[in-house]
Amino acid sequence: MFIHMFAFRWRPNVTVDQKKRVAIEINALQGQIPGLLETFVGENVSSRGQGYELGGMMKFTDRASLDNYGPHPAHQKLLAWLMPLIDPIEIDFEVVQPKLPYNSQTTS
C-alpha cells in the first residue's frame, strides 16, 4: 500500500468558494482513479502548520496505482485550475508493516 500526502498554502486572492471547490474536487477523484482506495481532505488545525491551510491523504493499492495517478486525465483536469491557486508540498511513501520482535505464540 502507498500513501500520497499533500498540503497547500493558498496564493493571494483565493476565494472561499475556490477553497471549498478544491476539497470537493479532490474528494471527487475517489472512484475515478484506479487503485485509489481512500481519500481524506481537511483544513489544517495544527499550530505548527507553517502556513499550510489544507491537507490531505490518499491511499493507493500499490506503487503502479500511485504512479498512474499523476498523469490520469481526472487528476490533470484538476491540476489545470488548481495549481495557480496553491503552493503545494507532497510526500509519497510505502506503508511498511513492522515485524514483531518476538514470536506472538507463547510456549509453556
PDB file of N, CA and C in Angstrom:
ATOM      1  N   MET A   1       0.843  -1.168   0.000  1.00  0.00           N
ATOM      2  CA  MET A   1       0.000   0.000   0.000  1.00  0.00           C
ATOM      3  C   MET A   1       0.898   1.243   0.000  1.00  0.00           C
ATOM      4  N   PHE A   2       0.452   2.267  -0.737  1.00  0.00           N
ATOM      5  CA  PHE A   2       1.197   3.519  -0.823  1.00  0.00           C
ATOM      6  C   PHE A   2       0.307   4.684  -0.408  1.00  0.00           C
ATOM      7  N   ILE A   3       0.923   5.659   0.246  1.00  0.00           N
ATOM      8  CA  ILE A   3       0.234   6.856   0.724  1.00  0.00           C
ATOM      9  C   ILE A   3       0.765   8.075  -0.019  1.00  0.00           C
ATOM     10  N   HIS A   4      -0.160   8.917  -0.462  1.00  0.00           N
ATOM     11  CA  HIS A   4       0.160  10.213  -1.069  1.00  0.00           C
ATOM     12  C   HIS A   4      -0.397  11.265  -0.121  1.00  0.00           C
ATOM     13  N   MET A   5       0.496  12.082   0.439  1.00  0.00           N
ATOM     14  CA  MET A   5       0.083  13.158   1.346  1.00  0.00           C
ATOM     15  C   MET A   5       0.387  14.491   0.686  1.00  0.00           C
ATOM     16  N   PHE A   6      -0.461  15.474   0.969  1.00  0.00           N
ATOM     17  CA  PHE A   6      -0.261  16.802   0.390  1.00  0.00           C
ATOM     18  C   PHE A   6      -0.755  17.872   1.348  1.00  0.00           C
ATOM     19  N   ALA A   7      -0.203  19.059   1.183  1.00  0.00           N
ATOM     20  CA  ALA A   7      -0.659  20.233   1.932  1.00  0.00           C
ATOM     21  C   ALA A   7      -0.513  21.441   1.014  1.00  0.00           C
ATOM     22  N   PHE A   8      -1.434  22.384   1.168  1.00  0.00           N
ATOM     23  CA  PHE A   8      -1.455  23.563   0.307  1.00  0.00           C
ATOM     24  C   PHE A   8      -1.415  24.839   1.133  1.00  0.00           C
ATOM     25  N   ARG A   9      -0.602  25.764   0.680  1.00  0.00           N
ATOM     26  CA  ARG A   9      -0.705  27.168   1.095  1.00  0.00           C
ATOM     27  C   ARG A   9      -1.474  27.854  -0.022  1.00  0.00           C
ATOM     28  N   TRP A  10      -2.416  28.688   0.335  1.00  0.00           N
ATOM     29  CA  TRP A  10      -3.192  29.400  -0.679  1.00  0.00           C
ATOM     30  C   TRP A  10      -2.416  30.613  -1.185  1.00  0.00           C
ATOM     31  N   ARG A  11      -2.489  30.854  -2.446  1.00  0.00           N
ATOM     32  CA  ARG A  11      -1.904  32.061  -3.027  1.00  0.00           C
ATOM     33  C   ARG A  11      -2.831  33.225  -2.717  1.00  0.00           C
ATOM     34  N   PRO A  12      -2.322  34.468  -2.812  1.00  0.00           N
ATOM     35  CA  PRO A  12      -3.168  35.637  -2.529  1.00  0.00           C
ATOM     36  C   PRO A  12      -4.419  35.662  -3.419  1.00  0.00           C
ATOM     37  N   ASN A  13      -5.480  36.149  -2.871  1.00  0.00           N
ATOM     38  CA  ASN A  13      -6.745  36.381  -3.577  1.00  0.00           C
ATOM     39  C   ASN A  13      -7.543  35.115  -3.892  1.00  0.00           C
ATOM     40  N   VAL A  14      -7.198  33.991  -3.299  1.00  0.00           N
ATOM     41  CA  VAL A  14      -8.014  32.784  -3.466  1.00  0.00           C
ATOM     42  C   VAL A  14      -9.277  32.967  -2.625  1.00  0.00           C
ATOM     43  N   THR A  15     -10.429  32.727  -3.229  1.00  0.00           N
ATOM     44  CA  THR A  15     -11.703  32.960  -2.548  1.00  0.00           C
ATOM     45  C   THR A  15     -12.123  31.746  -1.709  1.00  0.00           C
ATOM     46  N   VAL A  16     -13.064  31.974  -0.821  1.00  0.00           N
ATOM     47  CA  VAL A  16     -13.616  30.894  -0.006  1.00  0.00           C
ATOM     48  C   VAL A  16     -14.272  29.850  -0.908  1.00  0.00           C
ATOM     49  N   ASP A  17     -14.968  30.283  -1.934  1.00  0.00           N
ATOM     50  CA  ASP A  17     -15.607  29.339  -2.851  1.00  0.00           C
ATOM     51  C   ASP A  17     -14.579  28.479  -3.582  1.00  0.00           C
ATOM     52  N   GLN A  18     -13.470  29.057  -3.981  1.00  0.00           N
ATOM     53  CA  GLN A  18     -12.411  28.283  -4.628  1.00  0.00           C
ATOM     54  C   GLN A  18     -11.836  27.249  -3.664  1.00  0.00           C
ATOM     55  N   LYS A  19     -11.633  27.648  -2.407  1.00  0.00           N
ATOM     56  CA  LYS A  19     -11.112  26.719  -1.404  1.00  0.00           C
ATOM     57  C   LYS A  19     -12.073  25.548  -1.193  1.00  0.00           C
ATOM     58  N   LYS A  20     -13.358  25.820  -1.149  1.00  0.00           N
ATOM     59  CA  LYS A  20     -14.353  24.760  -0.991  1.00  0.00           C
ATOM     60  C   LYS A  20     -14.337  23.830  -2.203  1.00  0.00           C
ATOM     61  N   ARG A  21     -14.221  24.414  -3.392  1.00  0.00           N
ATOM     62  CA  ARG A  21     -14.199  23.611  -4.616  1.00  0.00           C
ATOM     63  C   ARG A  21     -13.002  22.651  -4.622  1.00  0.00           C
ATOM     64  N   VAL A  22     -11.859  23.113  -4.121  1.00  0.00           N
ATOM     65  CA  VAL A  22     -10.667  22.268  -4.090  1.00  0.00           C
ATOM     66  C   VAL A  22     -10.955  20.979  -3.318  1.00  0.00           C
ATOM     67  N   ALA A  23     -11.495  21.110  -2.116  1.00  0.00           N
ATOM     68  CA  ALA A  23     -11.784  19.930  -1.299  1.00  0.00           C
ATOM     69  C   ALA A  23     -12.805  19.029  -1.982  1.00  0.00           C
ATOM     70  N   ILE A  24     -13.836  19.609  -2.566  1.00  0.00           N
ATOM     71  CA  ILE A  24     -14.873  18.832  -3.246  1.00  0.00           C
ATOM     72  C   ILE A  24     -14.289  18.067  -4.429  1.00  0.00           C
ATOM     73  N   GLU A  25     -13.485  18.749  -5.228  1.00  0.00           N
ATOM     74  CA  GLU A  25     -12.924  18.126  -6.435  1.00  0.00           C
ATOM     75  C   GLU A  25     -11.886  17.045  -6.102  1.00  0.00           C
ATOM     76  N   ILE A  26     -11.107  17.260  -5.051  1.00  0.00           N
ATOM     77  CA  ILE A  26     -10.153  16.220  -4.652  1.00  0.00           C
ATOM     78  C   ILE A  26     -10.904  14.981  -4.188  1.00  0.00           C
ATOM     79  N   ASN A  27     -11.924  15.168  -3.373  1.00  0.00           N
ATOM     80  CA  ASN A  27     -12.724  14.025  -2.923  1.00  0.00           C
ATOM     81  C   ASN A  27     -13.419  13.335  -4.093  1.00  0.00           C
ATOM     82  N   ALA A  28     -13.761  14.079  -5.122  1.00  0.00           N
ATOM     83  CA  ALA A  28     -14.452  13.522  -6.288  1.00  0.00           C
ATOM     84  C   ALA A  28     -13.549  12.611  -7.121  1.00  0.00           C
ATOM     85  N   LEU A  29     -12.236  12.653  -6.890  1.00  0.00           N
ATOM     86  CA  LEU A  29     -11.333  11.747  -7.596  1.00  0.00           C
ATOM     87  C   LEU A  29     -11.564  10.295  -7.180  1.00  0.00           C
ATOM     88  N   GLN A  30     -12.112  10.123  -5.971  1.00  0.00           N
ATOM     89  CA  GLN A  30     -12.423   8.781  -5.486  1.00  0.00           C
ATOM     90  C   GLN A  30     -13.406   8.132  -6.452  1.00  0.00           C
ATOM     91  N   GLY A  31     -13.079   6.955  -6.938  1.00  0.00           N
ATOM     92  CA  GLY A  31     -13.929   6.266  -7.890  1.00  0.00           C
ATOM     93  C   GLY A  31     -13.546   6.524  -9.339  1.00  0.00           C
ATOM     94  N   GLN A  32     -12.741   7.541  -9.590  1.00  0.00           N
ATOM     95  CA  GLN A  32     -12.285   7.842 -10.947  1.00  0.00           C
ATOM     96  C   GLN A  32     -10.873   7.323 -11.214  1.00  0.00           C
ATOM     97  N   ILE A  33     -10.084   7.163 -10.159  1.00  0.00           N
ATOM     98  CA  ILE A  33      -8.686   6.770 -10.286  1.00  0.00           C
ATOM     99  C   ILE A  33      -8.548   5.303  -9.874  1.00  0.00           C
ATOM    100  N   PRO A  34      -8.169   4.423 -10.794  1.00  0.00           N
ATOM    101  CA  PRO A  34      -7.998   3.017 -10.429  1.00  0.00           C
ATOM    102  C   PRO A  34      -6.938   2.850  -9.331  1.00  0.00           C
ATOM    103  N   GLY A  35      -7.278   2.042  -8.335  1.00  0.00           N
ATOM    104  CA  GLY A  35      -6.342   1.774  -7.251  1.00  0.00           C
ATOM    105  C   GLY A  35      -6.364   2.782  -6.125  1.00  0.00           C
ATOM    106  N   LEU A  36      -7.150   3.852  -6.250  1.00  0.00           N
ATOM    107  CA  LEU A  36      -7.290   4.841  -5.169  1.00  0.00           C
ATOM    108  C   LEU A  36      -8.339   4.313  -4.197  1.00  0.00           C
ATOM    109  N   LEU A  37      -7.884   3.912  -3.019  1.00  0.00           N
ATOM    110  CA  LEU A  37      -8.757   3.255  -2.046  1.00  0.00           C
ATOM    111  C   LEU A  37      -9.504   4.221  -1.144  1.00  0.00           C
ATOM    112  N   GLU A  38      -8.810   5.249  -0.671  1.00  0.00           N
ATOM    113  CA  GLU A  38      -9.410   6.212   0.265  1.00  0.00           C
ATOM    114  C   GLU A  38      -8.828   7.590   0.014  1.00  0.00           C
ATOM    115  N   THR A  39      -9.646   8.610   0.277  1.00  0.00           N
ATOM    116  CA  THR A  39      -9.224   9.996   0.140  1.00  0.00           C
ATOM    117  C   THR A  39      -9.717  10.779   1.349  1.00  0.00           C
ATOM    118  N   PHE A  40      -8.824  11.563   1.943  1.00  0.00           N
ATOM    119  CA  PHE A  40      -9.165  12.411   3.084  1.00  0.00           C
ATOM    120  C   PHE A  40      -8.652  13.817   2.807  1.00  0.00           C
ATOM    121  N   VAL A  41      -9.475  14.822   3.029  1.00  0.00           N
ATOM    122  CA  VAL A  41      -9.086  16.223   2.818  1.00  0.00           C
ATOM    123  C   VAL A  41      -9.681  17.047   3.948  1.00  0.00           C
ATOM    124  N   GLY A  42      -8.904  17.996   4.484  1.00  0.00           N
ATOM    125  CA  GLY A  42      -9.441  18.854   5.531  1.00  0.00           C
ATOM    126  C   GLY A  42      -8.568  20.062   5.799  1.00  0.00           C
ATOM    127  N   GLU A  43      -9.140  20.997   6.539  1.00  0.00           N
ATOM    128  CA  GLU A  43      -8.408  22.195   6.931  1.00  0.00           C
ATOM    129  C   GLU A  43      -7.388  21.846   8.006  1.00  0.00           C
ATOM    130  N   ASN A  44      -6.210  22.425   7.888  1.00  0.00           N
ATOM    131  CA  ASN A  44      -5.154  22.201   8.871  1.00  0.00           C
ATOM    132  C   ASN A  44      -5.533  22.891  10.186  1.00  0.00           C
ATOM    133  N   VAL A  45      -5.451  22.171  11.280  1.00  0.00           N
ATOM    134  CA  VAL A  45      -5.750  22.730  12.595  1.00  0.00           C
ATOM    135  C   VAL A  45      -4.497  22.816  13.468  1.00  0.00           C
ATOM    136  N   SER A  46      -3.348  22.443  12.921  1.00  0.00           N
ATOM    137  CA  SER A  46      -2.112  22.450  13.687  1.00  0.00           C
ATOM    138  C   SER A  46      -1.542  23.862  13.814  1.00  0.00           C
ATOM    139  N   SER A  47      -1.047  24.178  14.990  1.00  0.00           N
ATOM    140  CA  SER A  47      -0.367  25.462  15.191  1.00  0.00           C
ATOM    141  C   SER A  47       1.048  25.425  14.609  1.00  0.00           C
ATOM    142  N   ARG A  48       1.495  24.252  14.187  1.00  0.00           N
ATOM    143  CA  ARG A  48       2.829  24.090  13.602  1.00  0.00           C
ATOM    144  C   ARG A  48       2.762  23.891  12.084  1.00  0.00           C
ATOM    145  N   GLY A  49       1.669  24.313  11.460  1.00  0.00           N
ATOM    146  CA  GLY A  49       1.418  24.038  10.057  1.00  0.00           C
ATOM    147  C   GLY A  49       2.200  24.861   9.058  1.00  0.00           C
ATOM    148  N   GLN A  50       3.022  25.804   9.504  1.00  0.00           N
ATOM    149  CA  GLN A  50       3.894  26.598   8.645  1.00  0.00           C
ATOM    150  C   GLN A  50       3.149  27.249   7.477  1.00  0.00           C
ATOM    151  N   GLY A  51       1.907  27.635   7.720  1.00  0.00           N
ATOM    152  CA  GLY A  51       1.138  28.337   6.688  1.00  0.00           C
ATOM    153  C   GLY A  51       0.361  27.435   5.759  1.00  0.00           C
ATOM    154  N   TYR A  52       0.513  26.114   5.876  1.00  0.00           N
ATOM    155  CA  TYR A  52      -0.265  25.200   5.049  1.00  0.00           C
ATOM    156  C   TYR A  52      -1.666  25.101   5.643  1.00  0.00           C
ATOM    157  N   GLU A  53      -2.655  25.456   4.852  1.00  0.00           N
ATOM    158  CA  GLU A  53      -4.020  25.574   5.358  1.00  0.00           C
ATOM    159  C   GLU A  53      -4.919  24.391   5.031  1.00  0.00           C
ATOM    160  N   LEU A  54      -4.585  23.639   3.986  1.00  0.00           N
ATOM    161  CA  LEU A  54      -5.390  22.481   3.609  1.00  0.00           C
ATOM    162  C   LEU A  54      -4.458  21.289   3.473  1.00  0.00           C
ATOM    163  N   GLY A  55      -4.899  20.154   3.966  1.00  0.00           N
ATOM    164  CA  GLY A  55      -4.080  18.958   3.858  1.00  0.00           C
ATOM    165  C   GLY A  55      -4.922  17.769   3.455  1.00  0.00           C
ATOM    166  N   GLY A  56      -4.225  16.741   3.010  1.00  0.00           N
ATOM    167  CA  GLY A  56      -4.960  15.545   2.641  1.00  0.00           C
ATOM    168  C   GLY A  56      -4.064  14.337   2.500  1.00  0.00           C
ATOM    169  N   MET A  57      -4.737  13.198   2.349  1.00  0.00           N
ATOM    170  CA  MET A  57      -4.047  11.928   2.235  1.00  0.00           C
ATOM    171  C   MET A  57      -4.866  11.029   1.336  1.00  0.00           C
ATOM    172  N   MET A  58      -4.162  10.300   0.472  1.00  0.00           N
ATOM    173  CA  MET A  58      -4.802   9.325  -0.396  1.00  0.00           C
ATOM    174  C   MET A  58      -4.086   7.992  -0.219  1.00  0.00           C
ATOM    175  N   LYS A  59      -4.869   6.918  -0.174  1.00  0.00           N
ATOM    176  CA  LYS A  59      -4.305   5.578  -0.016  1.00  0.00           C
ATOM    177  C   LYS A  59      -4.485   4.825  -1.330  1.00  0.00           C
ATOM    178  N   PHE A  60      -3.363   4.286  -1.854  1.00  0.00           N
ATOM    179  CA  PHE A  60      -3.368   3.537  -3.102  1.00  0.00           C
ATOM    180  C   PHE A  60      -3.012   2.077  -2.851  1.00  0.00           C
ATOM    181  N   THR A  61      -3.539   1.197  -3.694  1.00  0.00           N
ATOM    182  CA  THR A  61      -3.309  -0.235  -3.526  1.00  0.00           C
ATOM    183  C   THR A  61      -1.842  -0.607  -3.683  1.00  0.00           C
ATOM    184  N   ASP A  62      -1.145   0.049  -4.635  1.00  0.00           N
ATOM    185  CA  ASP A  62       0.233  -0.328  -4.920  1.00  0.00           C
ATOM    186  C   ASP A  62       0.956   0.829  -5.617  1.00  0.00           C
ATOM    187  N   ARG A  63       2.238   0.624  -5.870  1.00  0.00           N
ATOM    188  CA  ARG A  63       3.070   1.660  -6.489  1.00  0.00           C
ATOM    189  C   ARG A  63       2.578   2.010  -7.894  1.00  0.00           C
ATOM    190  N   ALA A  64       2.149   1.005  -8.646  1.00  0.00           N
ATOM    191  CA  ALA A  64       1.661   1.258 -10.001  1.00  0.00           C
ATOM    192  C   ALA A  64       0.443   2.175  -9.980  1.00  0.00           C
ATOM    193  N   SER A  65      -0.458   1.981  -9.041  1.00  0.00           N
ATOM    194  CA  SER A  65      -1.641   2.842  -8.922  1.00  0.00           C
ATOM    195  C   SER A  65      -1.237   4.268  -8.585  1.00  0.00           C
ATOM    196  N   LEU A  66      -0.300   4.420  -7.658  1.00  0.00           N
ATOM    197  CA  LEU A  66       0.202   5.751  -7.311  1.00  0.00           C
ATOM    198  C   LEU A  66       0.856   6.406  -8.519  1.00  0.00           C
ATOM    199  N   ASP A  67       1.686   5.663  -9.228  1.00  0.00           N
ATOM    200  CA  ASP A  67       2.371   6.209 -10.403  1.00  0.00           C
ATOM    201  C   ASP A  67       1.389   6.602 -11.506  1.00  0.00           C
ATOM    202  N   ASN A  68       0.301   5.869 -11.651  1.00  0.00           N
ATOM    203  CA  ASN A  68      -0.698   6.173 -12.677  1.00  0.00           C
ATOM    204  C   ASN A  68      -1.614   7.326 -12.301  1.00  0.00           C
ATOM    205  N   TYR A  69      -1.646   7.676 -11.024  1.00  0.00           N
ATOM    206  CA  TYR A  69      -2.480   8.781 -10.539  1.00  0.00           C
ATOM    207  C   TYR A  69      -2.032  10.119 -11.138  1.00  0.00           C
ATOM    208  N   GLY A  70      -0.738  10.380 -11.132  1.00  0.00           N
ATOM    209  CA  GLY A  70      -0.222  11.663 -11.608  1.00  0.00           C
ATOM    210  C   GLY A  70      -0.682  12.039 -13.006  1.00  0.00           C
ATOM    211  N   PRO A  71      -0.485  11.169 -14.000  1.00  0.00           N
ATOM    212  CA  PRO A  71      -0.878  11.507 -15.357  1.00  0.00           C
ATOM    213  C   PRO A  71      -2.345  11.212 -15.703  1.00  0.00           C
ATOM    214  N   HIS A  72      -3.105  10.680 -14.762  1.00  0.00           N
ATOM    215  CA  HIS A  72      -4.503  10.331 -15.054  1.00  0.00           C
ATOM    216  C   HIS A  72      -5.269  11.592 -15.495  1.00  0.00           C
ATOM    217  N   PRO A  73      -6.121  11.486 -16.521  1.00  0.00           N
ATOM    218  CA  PRO A  73      -6.850  12.653 -17.027  1.00  0.00           C
ATOM    219  C   PRO A  73      -7.671  13.400 -15.971  1.00  0.00           C
ATOM    220  N   ALA A  74      -8.285  12.689 -15.026  1.00  0.00           N
ATOM    221  CA  ALA A  74      -9.069  13.360 -13.981  1.00  0.00           C
ATOM    222  C   ALA A  74      -8.169  14.206 -13.083  1.00  0.00           C
ATOM    223  N   HIS A  75      -6.989  13.697 -12.776  1.00  0.00           N
ATOM    224  CA  HIS A  75      -6.034  14.439 -11.954  1.00  0.00           C
ATOM    225  C   HIS A  75      -5.487  15.636 -12.730  1.00  0.00           C
ATOM    226  N   GLN A  76      -5.168  15.437 -14.000  1.00  0.00           N
ATOM    227  CA  GLN A  76      -4.649  16.527 -14.824  1.00  0.00           C
ATOM    228  C   GLN A  76      -5.684  17.646 -14.993  1.00  0.00           C
ATOM    229  N   LYS A  77      -6.942  17.277 -15.109  1.00  0.00           N
ATOM    230  CA  LYS A  77      -8.018  18.274 -15.212  1.00  0.00           C
ATOM    231  C   LYS A  77      -8.085  19.119 -13.936  1.00  0.00           C
ATOM    232  N   LEU A  78      -7.952  18.466 -12.793  1.00  0.00           N
ATOM    233  CA  LEU A  78      -7.933  19.171 -11.512  1.00  0.00           C
ATOM    234  C   LEU A  78      -6.729  20.110 -11.430  1.00  0.00           C
ATOM    235  N   LEU A  79      -5.562  19.603 -11.779  1.00  0.00           N
ATOM    236  CA  LEU A  79      -4.341  20.411 -11.686  1.00  0.00           C
ATOM    237  C   LEU A  79      -4.383  21.653 -12.571  1.00  0.00           C
ATOM    238  N   ALA A  80      -5.070  21.567 -13.696  1.00  0.00           N
ATOM    239  CA  ALA A  80      -5.111  22.682 -14.646  1.00  0.00           C
ATOM    240  C   ALA A  80      -5.625  23.967 -14.005  1.00  0.00           C
ATOM    241  N   TRP A  81      -6.619  23.872 -13.146  1.00  0.00           N
ATOM    242  CA  TRP A  81      -7.133  25.084 -12.496  1.00  0.00           C
ATOM    243  C   TRP A  81      -6.637  25.234 -11.055  1.00  0.00           C
ATOM    244  N   LEU A  82      -6.170  24.134 -10.445  1.00  0.00           N
ATOM    245  CA  LEU A  82      -5.728  24.175  -9.053  1.00  0.00           C
ATOM    246  C   LEU A  82      -4.344  24.804  -8.873  1.00  0.00           C
ATOM    247  N   MET A  83      -3.391  24.457  -9.702  1.00  0.00           N
ATOM    248  CA  MET A  83      -2.005  24.882  -9.489  1.00  0.00           C
ATOM    249  C   MET A  83      -1.825  26.405  -9.368  1.00  0.00           C
ATOM    250  N   PRO A  84      -2.549  27.223 -10.118  1.00  0.00           N
ATOM    251  CA  PRO A  84      -2.383  28.672  -9.928  1.00  0.00           C
ATOM    252  C   PRO A  84      -2.858  29.183  -8.559  1.00  0.00           C
ATOM    253  N   LEU A  85      -3.601  28.348  -7.816  1.00  0.00           N
ATOM    254  CA  LEU A  85      -4.165  28.768  -6.532  1.00  0.00           C
ATOM    255  C   LEU A  85      -3.311  28.403  -5.332  1.00  0.00           C
ATOM    256  N   ILE A  86      -2.325  27.521  -5.520  1.00  0.00           N
ATOM    257  CA  ILE A  86      -1.653  26.921  -4.358  1.00  0.00           C
ATOM    258  C   ILE A  86      -0.137  26.930  -4.455  1.00  0.00           C
ATOM    259  N   ASP A  87       0.456  26.814  -3.272  1.00  0.00           N
ATOM    260  CA  ASP A  87       1.873  26.497  -3.105  1.00  0.00           C
ATOM    261  C   ASP A  87       1.858  25.141  -2.382  1.00  0.00           C
ATOM    262  N   PRO A  88       2.076  24.034  -3.111  1.00  0.00           N
ATOM    263  CA  PRO A  88       1.900  22.712  -2.513  1.00  0.00           C
ATOM    264  C   PRO A  88       3.189  22.072  -2.009  1.00  0.00           C
ATOM    265  N   ILE A  89       3.001  21.099  -1.140  1.00  0.00           N
ATOM    266  CA  ILE A  89       4.054  20.165  -0.756  1.00  0.00           C
ATOM    267  C   ILE A  89       3.422  18.782  -0.813  1.00  0.00           C
ATOM    268  N   GLU A  90       4.202  17.793  -1.262  1.00  0.00           N
ATOM    269  CA  GLU A  90       3.688  16.429  -1.380  1.00  0.00           C
ATOM    270  C   GLU A  90       4.722  15.444  -0.846  1.00  0.00           C
ATOM    271  N   ILE A  91       4.213  14.367  -0.291  1.00  0.00           N
ATOM    272  CA  ILE A  91       5.053  13.268   0.187  1.00  0.00           C
ATOM    273  C   ILE A  91       4.362  11.967  -0.192  1.00  0.00           C
ATOM    274  N   ASP A  92       5.099  11.059  -0.780  1.00  0.00           N
ATOM    275  CA  ASP A  92       4.580   9.734  -1.126  1.00  0.00           C
ATOM    276  C   ASP A  92       5.460   8.689  -0.436  1.00  0.00           C
ATOM    277  N   PHE A  93       4.838   7.666   0.112  1.00  0.00           N
ATOM    278  CA  PHE A  93       5.627   6.614   0.749  1.00  0.00           C
ATOM    279  C   PHE A  93       4.877   5.297   0.770  1.00  0.00           C
ATOM    280  N   GLU A  94       5.662   4.232   0.875  1.00  0.00           N
ATOM    281  CA  GLU A  94       5.093   2.900   1.019  1.00  0.00           C
ATOM    282  C   GLU A  94       4.852   2.635   2.498  1.00  0.00           C
ATOM    283  N   VAL A  95       3.705   2.061   2.792  1.00  0.00           N
ATOM    284  CA  VAL A  95       3.397   1.678   4.166  1.00  0.00           C
ATOM    285  C   VAL A  95       4.113   0.367   4.449  1.00  0.00           C
ATOM    286  N   VAL A  96       4.961   0.389   5.434  1.00  0.00           N
ATOM    287  CA  VAL A  96       5.735  -0.791   5.804  1.00  0.00           C
ATOM    288  C   VAL A  96       5.160  -1.337   7.109  1.00  0.00           C
ATOM    289  N   GLN A  97       4.766  -2.591   7.072  1.00  0.00           N
ATOM    290  CA  GLN A  97       4.240  -3.227   8.272  1.00  0.00           C
ATOM    291  C   GLN A  97       5.411  -3.683   9.130  1.00  0.00           C
ATOM    292  N   PRO A  98       5.486  -3.215  10.364  1.00  0.00           N
ATOM    293  CA  PRO A  98       6.612  -3.617  11.205  1.00  0.00           C
ATOM    294  C   PRO A  98       6.549  -5.098  11.560  1.00  0.00           C
ATOM    295  N   LYS A  99       7.718  -5.687  11.634  1.00  0.00           N
ATOM    296  CA  LYS A  99       7.803  -7.079  12.071  1.00  0.00           C
ATOM    297  C   LYS A  99       7.919  -7.081  13.584  1.00  0.00           C
ATOM    298  N   LEU A 100       7.151  -7.943  14.184  1.00  0.00           N
ATOM    299  CA  LEU A 100       7.196  -8.028  15.631  1.00  0.00           C
ATOM    300  C   LEU A 100       8.545  -8.603  16.065  1.00  0.00           C
ATOM    301  N   PRO A 101       9.122  -8.034  17.119  1.00  0.00           N
ATOM    302  CA  PRO A 101      10.453  -8.501  17.562  1.00  0.00           C
ATOM    303  C   PRO A 101      10.398  -9.790  18.373  1.00  0.00           C
ATOM    304  N   TYR A 102       9.219 -10.378  18.447  1.00  0.00           N
ATOM    305  CA  TYR A 102       9.085 -11.572  19.236  1.00  0.00           C
ATOM    306  C   TYR A 102       8.086 -12.509  18.552  1.00  0.00           C
ATOM    307  N   ASN A 103       8.092 -13.735  18.965  1.00  0.00           N
ATOM    308  CA  ASN A 103       7.131 -14.712  18.478  1.00  0.00           C
ATOM    309  C   ASN A 103       5.839 -14.492  19.229  1.00  0.00           C
ATOM    310  N   SER A 104       4.749 -14.284  18.509  1.00  0.00           N
ATOM    311  CA  SER A 104       3.476 -13.985  19.163  1.00  0.00           C
ATOM    312  C   SER A 104       2.849 -15.190  19.847  1.00  0.00           C
ATOM    313  N   GLN A 105       3.379 -16.358  19.599  1.00  0.00           N
ATOM    314  CA  GLN A 105       2.846 -17.545  20.261  1.00  0.00           C
ATOM    315  C   GLN A 105       3.664 -17.807  21.524  1.00  0.00           C
ATOM    316  N   THR A 106       2.962 -18.097  22.569  1.00  0.00           N
ATOM    317  CA  THR A 106       3.638 -18.386  23.839  1.00  0.00           C
ATOM    318  C   THR A 106       3.859 -19.884  23.988  1.00  0.00           C
ATOM    319  N   THR A 107       4.898 -20.223  24.698  1.00  0.00           N
ATOM    320  CA  THR A 107       5.166 -21.632  24.986  1.00  0.00           C
ATOM    321  C   THR A 107       5.100 -21.836  26.491  1.00  0.00           C
ATOM    322  N   SER A 108       4.677 -23.001  26.856  1.00  0.00           N
ATOM    323  CA  SER A 108       4.549 -23.311  28.296  1.00  0.00           C
ATOM    324  C   SER A 108       5.633 -24.243  28.736  1.00  0.00           C
TER     325      SER A 108
END
